Amino acid sequence: MFAFKEGQGLSEHTAPYDALVHILEGEAEVTISGKTTQVKEGEVIILPANKPHALKAIKRFKMLLTMIRSKL
């Protein structure tokens, strides 16, 4: 779980696994491969593996991040 004040966030990075972001409170801007999406309380978004992504708090927000590791 992560919590951010307005204006705070995570700078652009990549991860080797898909991740599910569930916004528990507030509102954030999520950028994936240069495309920005607003996500609000109760919404979820997938961060695809190996794609650059960043998050920034529009309002104070809390999120639950779940890394999806699958073995095929």
N, C-alpha and C. Protein backbone atom coordinates (compact mmCIF):
# COMPACT_ATOMS: atom_id res chain seq x y z
N MET A 1 0.84 -1.16 0.00
CA MET A 1 0.00 0.00 0.00
C MET A 1 0.90 1.23 0.00
N PHE A 2 0.47 2.25 -0.74
CA PHE A 2 1.19 3.51 -0.82
C PHE A 2 0.22 4.65 -0.53
N ALA A 3 0.72 5.74 0.03
CA ALA A 3 -0.06 6.95 0.26
C ALA A 3 0.78 8.14 -0.19
N PHE A 4 0.13 9.08 -0.89
CA PHE A 4 0.82 10.24 -1.42
C PHE A 4 0.04 11.51 -1.13
N LYS A 5 0.76 12.59 -0.82
CA LYS A 5 0.16 13.91 -0.69
C LYS A 5 0.01 14.50 -2.09
N GLU A 6 -0.86 15.50 -2.22
CA GLU A 6 -1.05 16.18 -3.49
C GLU A 6 0.31 16.59 -4.07
N GLY A 7 0.54 16.25 -5.34
CA GLY A 7 1.79 16.60 -6.01
C GLY A 7 2.87 15.55 -5.90
N GLN A 8 2.77 14.64 -4.95
CA GLN A 8 3.76 13.58 -4.80
C GLN A 8 3.45 12.44 -5.77
N GLY A 9 4.40 11.54 -5.94
CA GLY A 9 4.15 10.38 -6.78
C GLY A 9 5.38 9.52 -6.94
N LEU A 10 5.33 8.68 -7.94
CA LEU A 10 6.46 7.82 -8.30
C LEU A 10 6.96 8.25 -9.67
N SER A 11 8.25 8.48 -9.79
CA SER A 11 8.81 8.88 -11.07
C SER A 11 8.76 7.72 -12.07
N GLU A 12 8.94 8.04 -13.33
CA GLU A 12 8.84 7.02 -14.38
C GLU A 12 9.86 5.89 -14.16
N HIS A 13 9.37 4.68 -14.31
CA HIS A 13 10.20 3.49 -14.15
C HIS A 13 9.52 2.33 -14.86
N THR A 14 10.16 1.18 -14.90
CA THR A 14 9.57 -0.04 -15.45
C THR A 14 9.65 -1.13 -14.38
N ALA A 15 8.87 -2.17 -14.60
CA ALA A 15 8.89 -3.32 -13.70
C ALA A 15 8.79 -4.58 -14.56
N PRO A 16 9.37 -5.68 -14.11
CA PRO A 16 9.38 -6.90 -14.92
C PRO A 16 8.06 -7.67 -14.93
N TYR A 17 7.08 -7.20 -14.13
CA TYR A 17 5.78 -7.89 -14.04
C TYR A 17 4.64 -6.89 -14.23
N ASP A 18 3.49 -7.39 -14.69
CA ASP A 18 2.29 -6.56 -14.71
C ASP A 18 1.95 -6.20 -13.26
N ALA A 19 1.29 -5.06 -13.08
CA ALA A 19 0.85 -4.67 -11.74
C ALA A 19 -0.57 -4.12 -11.83
N LEU A 20 -1.34 -4.38 -10.79
CA LEU A 20 -2.70 -3.86 -10.67
C LEU A 20 -2.68 -2.77 -9.62
N VAL A 21 -3.15 -1.58 -9.99
CA VAL A 21 -3.22 -0.46 -9.06
C VAL A 21 -4.69 -0.19 -8.76
N HIS A 22 -5.05 -0.26 -7.48
CA HIS A 22 -6.42 -0.01 -7.03
C HIS A 22 -6.38 1.26 -6.19
N ILE A 23 -7.09 2.30 -6.65
CA ILE A 23 -7.13 3.56 -5.91
C ILE A 23 -8.14 3.43 -4.77
N LEU A 24 -7.66 3.49 -3.55
CA LEU A 24 -8.51 3.32 -2.36
C LEU A 24 -9.14 4.63 -1.92
N GLU A 25 -8.41 5.72 -2.08
CA GLU A 25 -8.89 7.06 -1.71
C GLU A 25 -8.24 8.08 -2.63
N GLY A 26 -8.95 9.14 -2.95
CA GLY A 26 -8.38 10.25 -3.68
C GLY A 26 -8.35 10.07 -5.19
N GLU A 27 -7.35 10.70 -5.81
CA GLU A 27 -7.28 10.75 -7.26
C GLU A 27 -5.82 10.89 -7.71
N ALA A 28 -5.48 10.19 -8.80
CA ALA A 28 -4.11 10.23 -9.30
C ALA A 28 -4.08 10.29 -10.82
N GLU A 29 -2.96 10.73 -11.32
CA GLU A 29 -2.68 10.72 -12.74
C GLU A 29 -1.68 9.59 -12.97
N VAL A 30 -2.01 8.67 -13.85
CA VAL A 30 -1.13 7.54 -14.14
C VAL A 30 -0.70 7.67 -15.60
N THR A 31 0.60 7.66 -15.82
CA THR A 31 1.14 7.75 -17.18
C THR A 31 1.78 6.42 -17.52
N ILE A 32 1.35 5.84 -18.65
CA ILE A 32 1.89 4.57 -19.13
C ILE A 32 2.33 4.77 -20.58
N SER A 33 3.61 4.59 -20.83
CA SER A 33 4.17 4.77 -22.17
C SER A 33 3.74 6.09 -22.79
N GLY A 34 3.78 7.16 -21.99
CA GLY A 34 3.47 8.51 -22.47
C GLY A 34 2.00 8.88 -22.50
N LYS A 35 1.09 7.94 -22.23
CA LYS A 35 -0.35 8.24 -22.22
C LYS A 35 -0.81 8.39 -20.78
N THR A 36 -1.44 9.54 -20.48
CA THR A 36 -1.88 9.84 -19.11
C THR A 36 -3.36 9.58 -18.94
N THR A 37 -3.70 8.94 -17.81
CA THR A 37 -5.08 8.61 -17.45
C THR A 37 -5.33 9.04 -16.01
N GLN A 38 -6.50 9.65 -15.76
CA GLN A 38 -6.89 9.98 -14.39
C GLN A 38 -7.62 8.79 -13.80
N VAL A 39 -7.24 8.40 -12.61
CA VAL A 39 -7.93 7.32 -11.89
C VAL A 39 -8.38 7.85 -10.54
N LYS A 40 -9.61 7.48 -10.18
CA LYS A 40 -10.23 7.98 -8.96
C LYS A 40 -10.54 6.85 -8.01
N GLU A 41 -10.91 7.23 -6.81
CA GLU A 41 -11.27 6.28 -5.76
C GLU A 41 -12.20 5.19 -6.30
N GLY A 42 -11.82 3.94 -6.02
CA GLY A 42 -12.62 2.79 -6.46
C GLY A 42 -12.25 2.25 -7.82
N GLU A 43 -11.43 2.96 -8.57
CA GLU A 43 -11.03 2.51 -9.91
C GLU A 43 -9.71 1.74 -9.85
N VAL A 44 -9.48 0.94 -10.88
CA VAL A 44 -8.24 0.18 -10.99
C VAL A 44 -7.64 0.40 -12.37
N ILE A 45 -6.34 0.19 -12.47
CA ILE A 45 -5.64 0.28 -13.73
C ILE A 45 -4.50 -0.74 -13.72
N ILE A 46 -4.23 -1.31 -14.89
CA ILE A 46 -3.13 -2.27 -15.03
C ILE A 46 -1.90 -1.53 -15.55
N LEU A 47 -0.77 -1.79 -14.93
CA LEU A 47 0.52 -1.28 -15.40
C LEU A 47 1.22 -2.46 -16.08
N PRO A 48 1.32 -2.45 -17.41
CA PRO A 48 1.92 -3.58 -18.12
C PRO A 48 3.42 -3.73 -17.84
N ALA A 49 3.86 -4.96 -17.80
CA ALA A 49 5.28 -5.26 -17.58
C ALA A 49 6.14 -4.59 -18.65
N ASN A 50 7.29 -4.11 -18.23
CA ASN A 50 8.31 -3.55 -19.11
C ASN A 50 7.89 -2.31 -19.88
N LYS A 51 6.80 -1.66 -19.48
CA LYS A 51 6.36 -0.39 -20.09
C LYS A 51 6.62 0.71 -19.08
N PRO A 52 7.22 1.83 -19.50
CA PRO A 52 7.49 2.91 -18.55
C PRO A 52 6.18 3.49 -18.01
N HIS A 53 6.14 3.71 -16.70
CA HIS A 53 4.95 4.25 -16.06
C HIS A 53 5.35 5.14 -14.88
N ALA A 54 4.44 6.05 -14.54
CA ALA A 54 4.64 6.98 -13.42
C ALA A 54 3.28 7.30 -12.82
N LEU A 55 3.27 7.73 -11.55
CA LEU A 55 2.03 8.12 -10.87
C LEU A 55 2.26 9.45 -10.18
N LYS A 56 1.20 10.29 -10.18
CA LYS A 56 1.27 11.58 -9.50
C LYS A 56 -0.08 11.85 -8.86
N ALA A 57 -0.06 12.29 -7.61
CA ALA A 57 -1.29 12.59 -6.88
C ALA A 57 -1.89 13.91 -7.36
N ILE A 58 -3.12 13.85 -7.85
CA ILE A 58 -3.88 15.06 -8.17
C ILE A 58 -4.43 15.61 -6.86
N LYS A 59 -4.97 14.71 -6.07
CA LYS A 59 -5.40 14.97 -4.70
C LYS A 59 -4.68 13.93 -3.85
N ARG A 60 -4.65 14.14 -2.57
CA ARG A 60 -4.09 13.13 -1.68
C ARG A 60 -4.73 11.78 -2.01
N PHE A 61 -3.91 10.74 -2.14
CA PHE A 61 -4.50 9.44 -2.46
C PHE A 61 -3.74 8.28 -1.84
N LYS A 62 -4.48 7.16 -1.74
CA LYS A 62 -3.91 5.89 -1.27
C LYS A 62 -4.19 4.85 -2.34
N MET A 63 -3.21 3.98 -2.55
CA MET A 63 -3.40 2.92 -3.55
C MET A 63 -2.85 1.61 -3.03
N LEU A 64 -3.44 0.55 -3.53
CA LEU A 64 -2.95 -0.80 -3.26
C LEU A 64 -2.33 -1.28 -4.55
N LEU A 65 -1.08 -1.68 -4.50
CA LEU A 65 -0.35 -2.16 -5.68
C LEU A 65 -0.14 -3.66 -5.55
N THR A 66 -0.60 -4.40 -6.55
CA THR A 66 -0.42 -5.85 -6.56
C THR A 66 0.39 -6.24 -7.77
N MET A 67 1.57 -6.81 -7.53
CA MET A 67 2.41 -7.30 -8.64
C MET A 67 1.87 -8.66 -9.07
N ILE A 68 1.76 -8.86 -10.37
CA ILE A 68 1.20 -10.10 -10.90
C ILE A 68 2.34 -10.91 -11.51
N ARG A 69 2.77 -11.90 -10.78
CA ARG A 69 3.82 -12.80 -11.25
C ARG A 69 3.16 -14.10 -11.63
N SER A 70 3.26 -14.46 -12.89
CA SER A 70 2.65 -15.73 -13.29
C SER A 70 3.70 -16.64 -13.89
N LYS A 71 3.57 -17.90 -13.64
CA LYS A 71 4.45 -18.91 -14.23
C LYS A 71 3.65 -19.66 -15.27
N LEU A 72 4.11 -19.63 -16.46
CA LEU A 72 3.40 -20.32 -17.55
C LEU A 72 4.03 -21.66 -17.82
